[in-house]
Amino acid sequence: MKSLLNPIKTTLNIKKEIAVAFFFILAFTAFNLSAQTSYQSIPANSSIKVSGSSNLHDWTMKDEVLTAASAFIFKDGKLSDMTALSFSTKVVNLKSDEDLLNSRAYKALNTEKYSTINFKLTSATVTPLANGHFTIKAIGKLQISGATKDVVLYADAIQNSDKTISCNGSEKLKMSEYGVKPPTFMLGALKVTDEVTINYNLKFKN
């Protein structure tokens, strides 16, 4: 009886080993087809701009060295999802051509206590378009002057031939929503409007 069972056991063992090997091959293939890759922003190609208006003229403040980190998922070499995104800018890095505007803006944003503006992703959707273009819908938390709000940011993204990813978009918000009082000048003769537009340009590399 023993001599008859050994061949059966050997055959069963071989089948199990083949099944296990096949499982790992499938898992490895799926991992490579949907690999998550960490990316960092390229400072020279990443910036944020805040613009608004007043009863006298428009104004703009820029930070041309934006720090950001992200994680993308690719399937068959093409961008399919974003699983992480965070960026931070020091308020004092936002500058206009007018020193008075800068100082009043920093005071309004309470820079001494809240020195940075931050965003952190909670979820995202990536929609493929044509010719390597995508639309990214990023839902997350935006913190300004110590107040944190849920926001939805949209970006046009391009998967470049050198494997970098470029993203750009804009979002309108009201300073009062974050407890920020729009600054005034010249004893109130110049009044800044509540609504501002944030334009962001990011270029990522892994």
N, C-alpha and C. Protein backbone atom coordinates (compact mmCIF):
# COMPACT_ATOMS: atom_id res chain seq x y z
N MET A 1 0.82 -1.21 0.00
CA MET A 1 0.00 0.00 0.00
C MET A 1 0.86 1.26 0.00
N LYS A 2 1.94 1.27 0.75
CA LYS A 2 2.82 2.41 0.85
C LYS A 2 3.40 2.79 -0.51
N SER A 3 3.77 1.78 -1.28
CA SER A 3 4.37 2.05 -2.59
C SER A 3 3.37 2.64 -3.55
N LEU A 4 2.06 2.36 -3.34
CA LEU A 4 1.04 2.92 -4.21
C LEU A 4 0.71 4.37 -3.85
N LEU A 5 0.84 4.75 -2.55
CA LEU A 5 0.49 6.11 -2.12
C LEU A 5 1.54 7.14 -2.45
N ASN A 6 2.81 6.72 -2.44
CA ASN A 6 3.90 7.67 -2.67
C ASN A 6 3.78 8.42 -3.99
N PRO A 7 3.51 7.73 -5.09
CA PRO A 7 3.36 8.45 -6.36
C PRO A 7 2.22 9.45 -6.32
N ILE A 8 1.10 9.08 -5.61
CA ILE A 8 -0.05 9.99 -5.53
C ILE A 8 0.32 11.25 -4.76
N LYS A 9 1.01 11.06 -3.62
CA LYS A 9 1.44 12.21 -2.82
C LYS A 9 2.39 13.10 -3.60
N THR A 10 3.27 12.46 -4.34
CA THR A 10 4.23 13.24 -5.13
C THR A 10 3.52 14.08 -6.18
N THR A 11 2.54 13.48 -6.83
CA THR A 11 1.77 14.19 -7.85
C THR A 11 1.00 15.35 -7.26
N LEU A 12 0.37 15.12 -6.08
CA LEU A 12 -0.37 16.19 -5.41
C LEU A 12 0.54 17.33 -5.00
N ASN A 13 1.71 16.97 -4.48
CA ASN A 13 2.67 18.00 -4.07
C ASN A 13 3.11 18.85 -5.26
N ILE A 14 3.36 18.21 -6.38
CA ILE A 14 3.78 18.93 -7.58
C ILE A 14 2.69 19.89 -8.03
N LYS A 15 1.42 19.43 -7.97
CA LYS A 15 0.30 20.28 -8.38
C LYS A 15 0.18 21.48 -7.46
N LYS A 16 0.37 21.25 -6.14
CA LYS A 16 0.30 22.35 -5.18
C LYS A 16 1.41 23.36 -5.44
N GLU A 17 2.62 22.86 -5.70
CA GLU A 17 3.75 23.75 -5.95
C GLU A 17 3.52 24.58 -7.21
N ILE A 18 2.93 23.95 -8.23
CA ILE A 18 2.64 24.68 -9.47
C ILE A 18 1.59 25.76 -9.21
N ALA A 19 0.56 25.42 -8.42
CA ALA A 19 -0.50 26.38 -8.11
C ALA A 19 0.06 27.57 -7.33
N VAL A 20 0.92 27.29 -6.34
CA VAL A 20 1.52 28.37 -5.55
C VAL A 20 2.38 29.25 -6.43
N ALA A 21 3.19 28.65 -7.28
CA ALA A 21 4.05 29.41 -8.17
C ALA A 21 3.22 30.27 -9.12
N PHE A 22 2.13 29.71 -9.62
CA PHE A 22 1.26 30.45 -10.53
C PHE A 22 0.63 31.65 -9.83
N PHE A 23 0.24 31.45 -8.54
CA PHE A 23 -0.34 32.54 -7.75
C PHE A 23 0.64 33.69 -7.60
N PHE A 24 1.90 33.38 -7.27
CA PHE A 24 2.91 34.43 -7.08
C PHE A 24 3.23 35.14 -8.38
N ILE A 25 3.21 34.41 -9.49
CA ILE A 25 3.44 35.03 -10.80
C ILE A 25 2.33 36.04 -11.10
N LEU A 26 1.08 35.65 -10.82
CA LEU A 26 -0.05 36.55 -11.05
C LEU A 26 0.04 37.78 -10.16
N ALA A 27 0.38 37.57 -8.89
CA ALA A 27 0.49 38.68 -7.95
C ALA A 27 1.60 39.63 -8.37
N PHE A 28 2.73 39.08 -8.77
CA PHE A 28 3.86 39.91 -9.20
C PHE A 28 3.51 40.71 -10.44
N THR A 29 2.80 40.05 -11.38
CA THR A 29 2.40 40.73 -12.61
C THR A 29 1.43 41.86 -12.31
N ALA A 30 0.45 41.61 -11.44
CA ALA A 30 -0.53 42.64 -11.08
C ALA A 30 0.14 43.81 -10.40
N PHE A 31 1.13 43.51 -9.55
CA PHE A 31 1.84 44.59 -8.84
C PHE A 31 2.56 45.49 -9.82
N ASN A 32 3.20 44.88 -10.83
CA ASN A 32 3.95 45.67 -11.80
C ASN A 32 3.04 46.44 -12.73
N LEU A 33 1.85 45.88 -13.01
CA LEU A 33 0.92 46.58 -13.89
C LEU A 33 0.26 47.75 -13.17
N SER A 34 0.19 47.70 -11.82
CA SER A 34 -0.46 48.75 -11.04
C SER A 34 0.49 49.26 -9.96
N ALA A 35 1.70 49.59 -10.33
CA ALA A 35 2.71 49.97 -9.35
C ALA A 35 2.51 51.40 -8.88
N GLN A 36 2.64 51.58 -7.56
CA GLN A 36 2.58 52.91 -6.98
C GLN A 36 3.98 53.49 -6.92
N THR A 37 4.13 54.72 -7.39
CA THR A 37 5.45 55.35 -7.46
C THR A 37 5.40 56.70 -6.78
N SER A 38 6.38 56.97 -5.92
CA SER A 38 6.47 58.25 -5.23
C SER A 38 7.15 59.28 -6.12
N TYR A 39 6.64 60.49 -6.09
CA TYR A 39 7.17 61.60 -6.89
C TYR A 39 7.40 62.81 -5.99
N GLN A 40 8.37 63.63 -6.39
CA GLN A 40 8.66 64.89 -5.72
C GLN A 40 8.58 66.03 -6.74
N SER A 41 8.18 67.19 -6.28
CA SER A 41 8.10 68.33 -7.19
C SER A 41 9.49 68.81 -7.58
N ILE A 42 9.60 69.35 -8.79
CA ILE A 42 10.83 69.97 -9.25
C ILE A 42 10.73 71.46 -8.93
N PRO A 43 11.51 71.97 -7.98
CA PRO A 43 11.35 73.36 -7.52
C PRO A 43 11.36 74.40 -8.63
N ALA A 44 12.24 74.22 -9.60
CA ALA A 44 12.36 75.23 -10.66
C ALA A 44 11.13 75.26 -11.58
N ASN A 45 10.32 74.21 -11.54
CA ASN A 45 9.15 74.12 -12.41
C ASN A 45 7.84 74.05 -11.63
N SER A 46 7.87 74.45 -10.36
CA SER A 46 6.68 74.37 -9.53
C SER A 46 6.45 75.71 -8.85
N SER A 47 5.22 76.20 -8.91
CA SER A 47 4.93 77.52 -8.34
C SER A 47 3.46 77.61 -7.95
N ILE A 48 3.18 78.59 -7.12
CA ILE A 48 1.79 78.90 -6.75
C ILE A 48 1.61 80.41 -6.83
N LYS A 49 0.45 80.83 -7.29
CA LYS A 49 0.17 82.26 -7.45
C LYS A 49 -1.19 82.57 -6.84
N VAL A 50 -1.24 83.59 -6.03
CA VAL A 50 -2.49 84.05 -5.44
C VAL A 50 -2.79 85.43 -6.02
N SER A 51 -3.96 85.59 -6.60
CA SER A 51 -4.31 86.87 -7.22
C SER A 51 -5.69 87.31 -6.78
N GLY A 52 -5.89 88.61 -6.77
CA GLY A 52 -7.16 89.18 -6.38
C GLY A 52 -7.29 90.58 -6.92
N SER A 53 -8.22 91.31 -6.37
CA SER A 53 -8.44 92.67 -6.83
C SER A 53 -8.78 93.57 -5.65
N SER A 54 -8.86 94.86 -5.92
CA SER A 54 -9.25 95.84 -4.92
C SER A 54 -10.12 96.88 -5.62
N ASN A 55 -10.52 97.88 -4.89
CA ASN A 55 -11.32 98.94 -5.51
C ASN A 55 -10.49 99.87 -6.40
N LEU A 56 -9.15 99.65 -6.41
CA LEU A 56 -8.26 100.47 -7.25
C LEU A 56 -7.55 99.68 -8.34
N HIS A 57 -7.04 98.48 -7.99
CA HIS A 57 -6.29 97.72 -9.00
C HIS A 57 -6.20 96.25 -8.60
N ASP A 58 -5.83 95.41 -9.56
CA ASP A 58 -5.60 93.99 -9.29
C ASP A 58 -4.24 93.79 -8.65
N TRP A 59 -4.04 92.63 -8.02
CA TRP A 59 -2.76 92.34 -7.38
C TRP A 59 -2.45 90.84 -7.50
N THR A 60 -1.16 90.51 -7.40
CA THR A 60 -0.71 89.12 -7.50
C THR A 60 0.46 88.89 -6.56
N MET A 61 0.44 87.74 -5.89
CA MET A 61 1.56 87.30 -5.06
C MET A 61 1.97 85.91 -5.53
N LYS A 62 3.29 85.67 -5.64
CA LYS A 62 3.78 84.40 -6.18
C LYS A 62 4.80 83.74 -5.25
N ASP A 63 4.75 82.42 -5.21
CA ASP A 63 5.83 81.62 -4.63
C ASP A 63 6.32 80.73 -5.76
N GLU A 64 7.53 80.97 -6.23
CA GLU A 64 8.04 80.26 -7.40
C GLU A 64 8.88 79.05 -7.06
N VAL A 65 8.87 78.65 -5.77
CA VAL A 65 9.60 77.43 -5.36
C VAL A 65 8.67 76.64 -4.45
N LEU A 66 7.69 75.97 -5.04
CA LEU A 66 6.69 75.23 -4.27
C LEU A 66 7.18 73.81 -4.00
N THR A 67 7.05 73.37 -2.75
CA THR A 67 7.45 72.02 -2.36
C THR A 67 6.22 71.12 -2.30
N ALA A 68 6.27 70.00 -3.01
CA ALA A 68 5.13 69.08 -3.03
C ALA A 68 5.61 67.64 -3.17
N ALA A 69 4.78 66.71 -2.71
CA ALA A 69 5.08 65.28 -2.84
C ALA A 69 3.80 64.57 -3.26
N SER A 70 3.93 63.53 -4.04
CA SER A 70 2.76 62.80 -4.51
C SER A 70 3.10 61.34 -4.73
N ALA A 71 2.06 60.55 -4.94
CA ALA A 71 2.23 59.14 -5.29
C ALA A 71 1.22 58.80 -6.37
N PHE A 72 1.69 58.24 -7.46
CA PHE A 72 0.83 57.89 -8.59
C PHE A 72 0.84 56.39 -8.80
N ILE A 73 -0.25 55.90 -9.37
CA ILE A 73 -0.34 54.49 -9.77
C ILE A 73 -0.41 54.45 -11.30
N PHE A 74 0.35 53.54 -11.87
CA PHE A 74 0.40 53.37 -13.31
C PHE A 74 -0.07 51.96 -13.69
N LYS A 75 -0.78 51.87 -14.78
CA LYS A 75 -1.19 50.58 -15.34
C LYS A 75 -0.73 50.54 -16.79
N ASP A 76 0.05 49.52 -17.08
CA ASP A 76 0.62 49.39 -18.43
C ASP A 76 1.37 50.65 -18.84
N GLY A 77 2.04 51.28 -17.85
CA GLY A 77 2.86 52.46 -18.13
C GLY A 77 2.11 53.76 -18.21
N LYS A 78 0.79 53.72 -18.00
CA LYS A 78 -0.01 54.94 -18.10
C LYS A 78 -0.58 55.33 -16.74
N LEU A 79 -0.63 56.62 -16.47
CA LEU A 79 -1.16 57.13 -15.22
C LEU A 79 -2.62 56.69 -15.06
N SER A 80 -2.95 56.11 -13.89
CA SER A 80 -4.31 55.65 -13.67
C SER A 80 -4.91 56.16 -12.36
N ASP A 81 -4.07 56.55 -11.40
CA ASP A 81 -4.61 56.99 -10.11
C ASP A 81 -3.57 57.81 -9.35
N MET A 82 -4.05 58.59 -8.41
CA MET A 82 -3.18 59.32 -7.48
C MET A 82 -3.59 58.92 -6.06
N THR A 83 -2.62 58.47 -5.27
CA THR A 83 -2.93 58.00 -3.92
C THR A 83 -2.42 58.94 -2.83
N ALA A 84 -1.62 59.93 -3.19
CA ALA A 84 -1.12 60.88 -2.20
C ALA A 84 -0.74 62.18 -2.88
N LEU A 85 -0.99 63.27 -2.18
CA LEU A 85 -0.54 64.59 -2.64
C LEU A 85 -0.50 65.51 -1.43
N SER A 86 0.60 66.17 -1.26
CA SER A 86 0.70 67.18 -0.21
C SER A 86 1.61 68.30 -0.70
N PHE A 87 1.25 69.52 -0.36
CA PHE A 87 2.16 70.61 -0.67
C PHE A 87 2.09 71.65 0.44
N SER A 88 3.17 72.37 0.56
CA SER A 88 3.28 73.37 1.62
C SER A 88 4.08 74.55 1.09
N THR A 89 3.63 75.74 1.44
CA THR A 89 4.36 76.95 1.08
C THR A 89 4.44 77.88 2.28
N LYS A 90 5.58 78.47 2.49
CA LYS A 90 5.72 79.46 3.55
C LYS A 90 5.04 80.74 3.09
N VAL A 91 4.24 81.31 3.97
CA VAL A 91 3.50 82.53 3.62
C VAL A 91 4.45 83.63 3.17
N VAL A 92 5.59 83.77 3.84
CA VAL A 92 6.53 84.85 3.49
C VAL A 92 7.21 84.62 2.14
N ASN A 93 7.05 83.40 1.57
CA ASN A 93 7.57 83.16 0.23
C ASN A 93 6.64 83.71 -0.85
N LEU A 94 5.39 84.01 -0.46
CA LEU A 94 4.46 84.65 -1.39
C LEU A 94 4.80 86.14 -1.45
N LYS A 95 5.16 86.61 -2.60
CA LYS A 95 5.60 87.99 -2.73
C LYS A 95 4.98 88.66 -3.95
N SER A 96 4.68 89.93 -3.78
CA SER A 96 4.25 90.77 -4.89
C SER A 96 5.35 91.79 -5.18
N ASP A 97 5.09 92.70 -6.10
CA ASP A 97 6.07 93.75 -6.39
C ASP A 97 5.96 94.92 -5.42
N GLU A 98 4.97 94.86 -4.52
CA GLU A 98 4.74 95.96 -3.59
C GLU A 98 5.03 95.51 -2.16
N ASP A 99 6.00 96.11 -1.53
CA ASP A 99 6.36 95.74 -0.15
C ASP A 99 5.21 95.98 0.82
N LEU A 100 4.45 97.04 0.61
CA LEU A 100 3.34 97.33 1.51
C LEU A 100 2.27 96.25 1.43
N LEU A 101 1.98 95.79 0.22
CA LEU A 101 1.01 94.70 0.05
C LEU A 101 1.50 93.45 0.76
N ASN A 102 2.79 93.15 0.62
CA ASN A 102 3.34 91.97 1.27
C ASN A 102 3.16 92.03 2.78
N SER A 103 3.56 93.13 3.37
CA SER A 103 3.50 93.25 4.84
C SER A 103 2.07 93.20 5.34
N ARG A 104 1.13 93.83 4.64
CA ARG A 104 -0.27 93.81 5.07
C ARG A 104 -0.86 92.40 4.90
N ALA A 105 -0.47 91.72 3.84
CA ALA A 105 -0.97 90.35 3.63
C ALA A 105 -0.44 89.41 4.72
N TYR A 106 0.84 89.52 5.06
CA TYR A 106 1.42 88.67 6.10
C TYR A 106 0.74 88.92 7.45
N LYS A 107 0.42 90.19 7.71
CA LYS A 107 -0.26 90.52 8.96
C LYS A 107 -1.67 89.94 8.98
N ALA A 108 -2.38 90.06 7.85
CA ALA A 108 -3.74 89.53 7.77
C ALA A 108 -3.77 88.02 7.94
N LEU A 109 -2.74 87.34 7.44
CA LEU A 109 -2.65 85.88 7.54
C LEU A 109 -2.05 85.41 8.86
N ASN A 110 -1.71 86.37 9.75
CA ASN A 110 -1.15 86.04 11.07
C ASN A 110 0.07 85.13 10.92
N THR A 111 1.01 85.59 10.09
CA THR A 111 2.17 84.77 9.72
C THR A 111 3.04 84.39 10.90
N GLU A 112 3.11 85.24 11.91
CA GLU A 112 3.96 84.92 13.06
C GLU A 112 3.48 83.67 13.78
N LYS A 113 2.18 83.41 13.73
CA LYS A 113 1.63 82.22 14.39
C LYS A 113 1.43 81.07 13.41
N TYR A 114 1.00 81.38 12.19
CA TYR A 114 0.71 80.34 11.18
C TYR A 114 1.58 80.64 9.96
N SER A 115 2.73 80.02 9.92
CA SER A 115 3.74 80.40 8.94
C SER A 115 3.59 79.73 7.58
N THR A 116 2.75 78.68 7.48
CA THR A 116 2.65 77.95 6.21
C THR A 116 1.21 77.78 5.77
N ILE A 117 1.04 77.58 4.48
CA ILE A 117 -0.23 77.16 3.88
C ILE A 117 -0.02 75.73 3.42
N ASN A 118 -0.94 74.82 3.81
CA ASN A 118 -0.73 73.39 3.57
C ASN A 118 -1.95 72.75 2.91
N PHE A 119 -1.67 71.73 2.11
CA PHE A 119 -2.75 70.91 1.53
C PHE A 119 -2.35 69.45 1.66
N LYS A 120 -3.34 68.60 2.02
CA LYS A 120 -3.11 67.15 2.09
C LYS A 120 -4.29 66.41 1.49
N LEU A 121 -3.98 65.51 0.58
CA LEU A 121 -5.01 64.75 -0.15
C LEU A 121 -5.71 63.74 0.75
N THR A 122 -7.03 63.60 0.54
CA THR A 122 -7.77 62.51 1.18
C THR A 122 -8.25 61.48 0.15
N SER A 123 -8.56 61.93 -1.06
CA SER A 123 -8.92 61.00 -2.13
C SER A 123 -8.77 61.70 -3.47
N ALA A 124 -8.67 60.90 -4.53
CA ALA A 124 -8.48 61.49 -5.87
C ALA A 124 -9.08 60.60 -6.94
N THR A 125 -9.40 61.22 -8.06
CA THR A 125 -9.88 60.52 -9.24
C THR A 125 -9.09 61.01 -10.44
N VAL A 126 -8.56 60.09 -11.22
CA VAL A 126 -7.81 60.42 -12.43
C VAL A 126 -8.60 59.97 -13.65
N THR A 127 -8.90 60.90 -14.53
CA THR A 127 -9.67 60.59 -15.74
C THR A 127 -8.79 60.77 -16.97
N PRO A 128 -8.55 59.71 -17.74
CA PRO A 128 -7.70 59.84 -18.93
C PRO A 128 -8.41 60.60 -20.04
N LEU A 129 -7.64 61.43 -20.73
CA LEU A 129 -8.14 62.15 -21.89
C LEU A 129 -7.39 61.63 -23.12
N ALA A 130 -6.89 62.50 -23.98
CA ALA A 130 -6.16 62.06 -25.17
C ALA A 130 -4.73 62.58 -25.13
N ASN A 131 -3.86 61.87 -25.86
CA ASN A 131 -2.46 62.30 -26.04
C ASN A 131 -1.70 62.50 -24.74
N GLY A 132 -1.89 61.58 -23.79
CA GLY A 132 -1.16 61.65 -22.53
C GLY A 132 -1.65 62.68 -21.55
N HIS A 133 -2.86 63.22 -21.78
CA HIS A 133 -3.44 64.20 -20.88
C HIS A 133 -4.46 63.54 -19.95
N PHE A 134 -4.60 64.11 -18.76
CA PHE A 134 -5.52 63.57 -17.76
C PHE A 134 -6.15 64.72 -16.99
N THR A 135 -7.30 64.46 -16.40
CA THR A 135 -7.90 65.38 -15.44
C THR A 135 -7.82 64.74 -14.06
N ILE A 136 -7.28 65.48 -13.10
CA ILE A 136 -7.18 64.99 -11.73
C ILE A 136 -8.13 65.77 -10.85
N LYS A 137 -8.99 65.05 -10.14
CA LYS A 137 -9.87 65.64 -9.13
C LYS A 137 -9.31 65.25 -7.77
N ALA A 138 -8.80 66.23 -7.03
CA ALA A 138 -8.14 65.96 -5.75
C ALA A 138 -8.97 66.54 -4.62
N ILE A 139 -9.45 65.69 -3.73
CA ILE A 139 -10.21 66.11 -2.56
C ILE A 139 -9.29 66.08 -1.35
N GLY A 140 -9.26 67.16 -0.59
CA GLY A 140 -8.33 67.17 0.53
C GLY A 140 -8.61 68.29 1.51
N LYS A 141 -7.64 68.49 2.41
CA LYS A 141 -7.73 69.50 3.46
C LYS A 141 -6.76 70.64 3.15
N LEU A 142 -7.29 71.84 3.07
CA LEU A 142 -6.47 73.03 2.85
C LEU A 142 -6.44 73.85 4.14
N GLN A 143 -5.24 74.13 4.60
CA GLN A 143 -5.06 74.88 5.85
C GLN A 143 -4.45 76.25 5.55
N ILE A 144 -5.17 77.29 5.95
CA ILE A 144 -4.70 78.67 5.78
C ILE A 144 -4.93 79.40 7.10
N SER A 145 -3.89 80.04 7.60
CA SER A 145 -3.99 80.84 8.83
C SER A 145 -4.61 80.04 9.98
N GLY A 146 -4.25 78.77 10.07
CA GLY A 146 -4.71 77.92 11.17
C GLY A 146 -6.07 77.30 10.98
N ALA A 147 -6.82 77.71 9.97
CA ALA A 147 -8.15 77.15 9.69
C ALA A 147 -8.04 76.11 8.58
N THR A 148 -8.70 74.96 8.77
CA THR A 148 -8.64 73.87 7.80
C THR A 148 -10.02 73.64 7.21
N LYS A 149 -10.09 73.60 5.87
CA LYS A 149 -11.35 73.39 5.17
C LYS A 149 -11.19 72.27 4.15
N ASP A 150 -12.31 71.57 3.89
CA ASP A 150 -12.34 70.59 2.82
C ASP A 150 -12.45 71.31 1.48
N VAL A 151 -11.61 70.94 0.54
CA VAL A 151 -11.64 71.57 -0.77
C VAL A 151 -11.53 70.50 -1.86
N VAL A 152 -11.96 70.87 -3.05
CA VAL A 152 -11.81 70.02 -4.22
C VAL A 152 -10.98 70.79 -5.24
N LEU A 153 -9.81 70.26 -5.58
CA LEU A 153 -8.93 70.91 -6.54
C LEU A 153 -8.92 70.11 -7.84
N TYR A 154 -9.00 70.80 -8.94
CA TYR A 154 -8.92 70.15 -10.26
C TYR A 154 -7.61 70.56 -10.93
N ALA A 155 -7.03 69.61 -11.63
CA ALA A 155 -5.78 69.89 -12.34
C ALA A 155 -5.76 69.20 -13.69
N ASP A 156 -5.20 69.89 -14.66
CA ASP A 156 -4.90 69.27 -15.95
C ASP A 156 -3.51 68.67 -15.84
N ALA A 157 -3.38 67.40 -16.10
CA ALA A 157 -2.11 66.70 -15.94
C ALA A 157 -1.62 66.14 -17.27
N ILE A 158 -0.30 66.13 -17.43
CA ILE A 158 0.32 65.58 -18.63
C ILE A 158 1.41 64.61 -18.21
N GLN A 159 1.38 63.42 -18.77
CA GLN A 159 2.44 62.44 -18.55
C GLN A 159 3.48 62.65 -19.65
N ASN A 160 4.60 63.26 -19.28
CA ASN A 160 5.61 63.63 -20.27
C ASN A 160 6.46 62.44 -20.70
N SER A 161 7.15 62.59 -21.82
CA SER A 161 7.95 61.50 -22.38
C SER A 161 9.14 61.15 -21.49
N ASP A 162 9.60 62.10 -20.65
CA ASP A 162 10.73 61.82 -19.75
C ASP A 162 10.26 61.27 -18.40
N LYS A 163 8.99 60.84 -18.34
CA LYS A 163 8.37 60.23 -17.15
C LYS A 163 8.04 61.23 -16.05
N THR A 164 8.24 62.52 -16.29
CA THR A 164 7.77 63.53 -15.35
C THR A 164 6.27 63.74 -15.58
N ILE A 165 5.62 64.33 -14.58
CA ILE A 165 4.18 64.61 -14.68
C ILE A 165 3.97 66.09 -14.35
N SER A 166 3.33 66.79 -15.26
CA SER A 166 3.04 68.22 -15.06
C SER A 166 1.56 68.39 -14.72
N CYS A 167 1.29 69.19 -13.70
CA CYS A 167 -0.09 69.46 -13.27
C CYS A 167 -0.30 70.95 -13.11
N ASN A 168 -1.42 71.45 -13.58
CA ASN A 168 -1.73 72.86 -13.36
C ASN A 168 -3.24 73.04 -13.23
N GLY A 169 -3.62 74.01 -12.42
CA GLY A 169 -5.04 74.26 -12.20
C GLY A 169 -5.24 75.52 -11.38
N SER A 170 -6.49 75.81 -11.04
CA SER A 170 -6.79 77.00 -10.25
C SER A 170 -8.02 76.74 -9.39
N GLU A 171 -8.13 77.51 -8.32
CA GLU A 171 -9.26 77.38 -7.41
C GLU A 171 -9.57 78.75 -6.82
N LYS A 172 -10.85 79.10 -6.76
CA LYS A 172 -11.28 80.35 -6.14
C LYS A 172 -11.71 80.07 -4.70
N LEU A 173 -11.40 80.98 -3.81
CA LEU A 173 -11.86 80.87 -2.42
C LEU A 173 -11.98 82.26 -1.82
N LYS A 174 -12.66 82.32 -0.69
CA LYS A 174 -12.82 83.59 0.02
C LYS A 174 -11.95 83.56 1.28
N MET A 175 -11.22 84.65 1.48
CA MET A 175 -10.34 84.73 2.64
C MET A 175 -11.12 84.62 3.95
N SER A 176 -12.34 85.17 3.96
CA SER A 176 -13.15 85.15 5.17
C SER A 176 -13.51 83.73 5.61
N GLU A 177 -13.54 82.78 4.66
CA GLU A 177 -13.84 81.40 5.01
C GLU A 177 -12.76 80.80 5.91
N TYR A 178 -11.58 81.39 5.90
CA TYR A 178 -10.47 80.91 6.72
C TYR A 178 -10.17 81.89 7.86
N GLY A 179 -11.12 82.76 8.15
CA GLY A 179 -10.96 83.69 9.25
C GLY A 179 -9.99 84.82 8.96
N VAL A 180 -9.69 85.05 7.67
CA VAL A 180 -8.75 86.10 7.28
C VAL A 180 -9.53 87.33 6.85
N LYS A 181 -9.23 88.46 7.46
CA LYS A 181 -9.87 89.72 7.10
C LYS A 181 -9.09 90.36 5.96
N PRO A 182 -9.73 90.60 4.81
CA PRO A 182 -9.01 91.23 3.68
C PRO A 182 -8.35 92.52 4.11
N PRO A 183 -7.07 92.71 3.79
CA PRO A 183 -6.35 93.91 4.24
C PRO A 183 -6.84 95.18 3.55
N THR A 184 -6.62 96.29 4.23
CA THR A 184 -6.94 97.60 3.67
C THR A 184 -5.69 98.48 3.72
N PHE A 185 -5.69 99.54 2.92
CA PHE A 185 -4.54 100.44 2.82
C PHE A 185 -5.03 101.89 2.85
N MET A 186 -4.11 102.75 3.14
CA MET A 186 -4.37 104.19 3.10
C MET A 186 -5.64 104.55 3.87
N LEU A 187 -5.68 104.09 5.13
CA LEU A 187 -6.80 104.38 6.04
C LEU A 187 -8.14 103.93 5.45
N GLY A 188 -8.09 102.82 4.74
CA GLY A 188 -9.32 102.25 4.19
C GLY A 188 -9.68 102.73 2.80
N ALA A 189 -8.87 103.64 2.24
CA ALA A 189 -9.16 104.13 0.88
C ALA A 189 -9.02 103.02 -0.15
N LEU A 190 -8.09 102.11 0.09
CA LEU A 190 -7.92 100.96 -0.80
C LEU A 190 -8.37 99.71 -0.05
N LYS A 191 -9.33 99.00 -0.61
CA LYS A 191 -9.88 97.81 0.03
C LYS A 191 -9.72 96.60 -0.88
N VAL A 192 -9.14 95.55 -0.33
CA VAL A 192 -8.94 94.31 -1.08
C VAL A 192 -10.22 93.48 -1.02
N THR A 193 -10.63 92.91 -2.15
CA THR A 193 -11.84 92.09 -2.18
C THR A 193 -11.60 90.75 -1.48
N ASP A 194 -12.69 90.14 -1.04
CA ASP A 194 -12.61 88.91 -0.24
C ASP A 194 -12.16 87.70 -1.08
N GLU A 195 -12.62 87.62 -2.32
CA GLU A 195 -12.34 86.44 -3.15
C GLU A 195 -10.96 86.53 -3.80
N VAL A 196 -10.24 85.41 -3.75
CA VAL A 196 -8.94 85.32 -4.42
C VAL A 196 -8.92 84.06 -5.29
N THR A 197 -8.00 84.05 -6.22
CA THR A 197 -7.81 82.87 -7.08
C THR A 197 -6.41 82.31 -6.84
N ILE A 198 -6.35 81.01 -6.59
CA ILE A 198 -5.06 80.33 -6.41
C ILE A 198 -4.76 79.53 -7.67
N ASN A 199 -3.66 79.85 -8.32
CA ASN A 199 -3.19 79.09 -9.48
C ASN A 199 -1.98 78.27 -9.07
N TYR A 200 -1.98 76.99 -9.42
CA TYR A 200 -0.88 76.12 -9.04
C TYR A 200 -0.33 75.39 -10.27
N ASN A 201 0.99 75.37 -10.35
CA ASN A 201 1.70 74.66 -11.41
C ASN A 201 2.75 73.77 -10.75
N LEU A 202 2.65 72.49 -11.00
CA LEU A 202 3.54 71.52 -10.37
C LEU A 202 4.12 70.58 -11.42
N LYS A 203 5.40 70.31 -11.29
CA LYS A 203 6.01 69.31 -12.15
C LYS A 203 6.73 68.30 -11.25
N PHE A 204 6.36 67.02 -11.41
CA PHE A 204 6.84 65.96 -10.54
C PHE A 204 7.83 65.03 -11.26
N LYS A 205 8.80 64.55 -10.50
CA LYS A 205 9.69 63.49 -11.00
C LYS A 205 9.85 62.46 -9.90
N ASN A 206 10.12 61.21 -10.30
CA ASN A 206 10.29 60.16 -9.29
C ASN A 206 11.75 59.97 -8.95
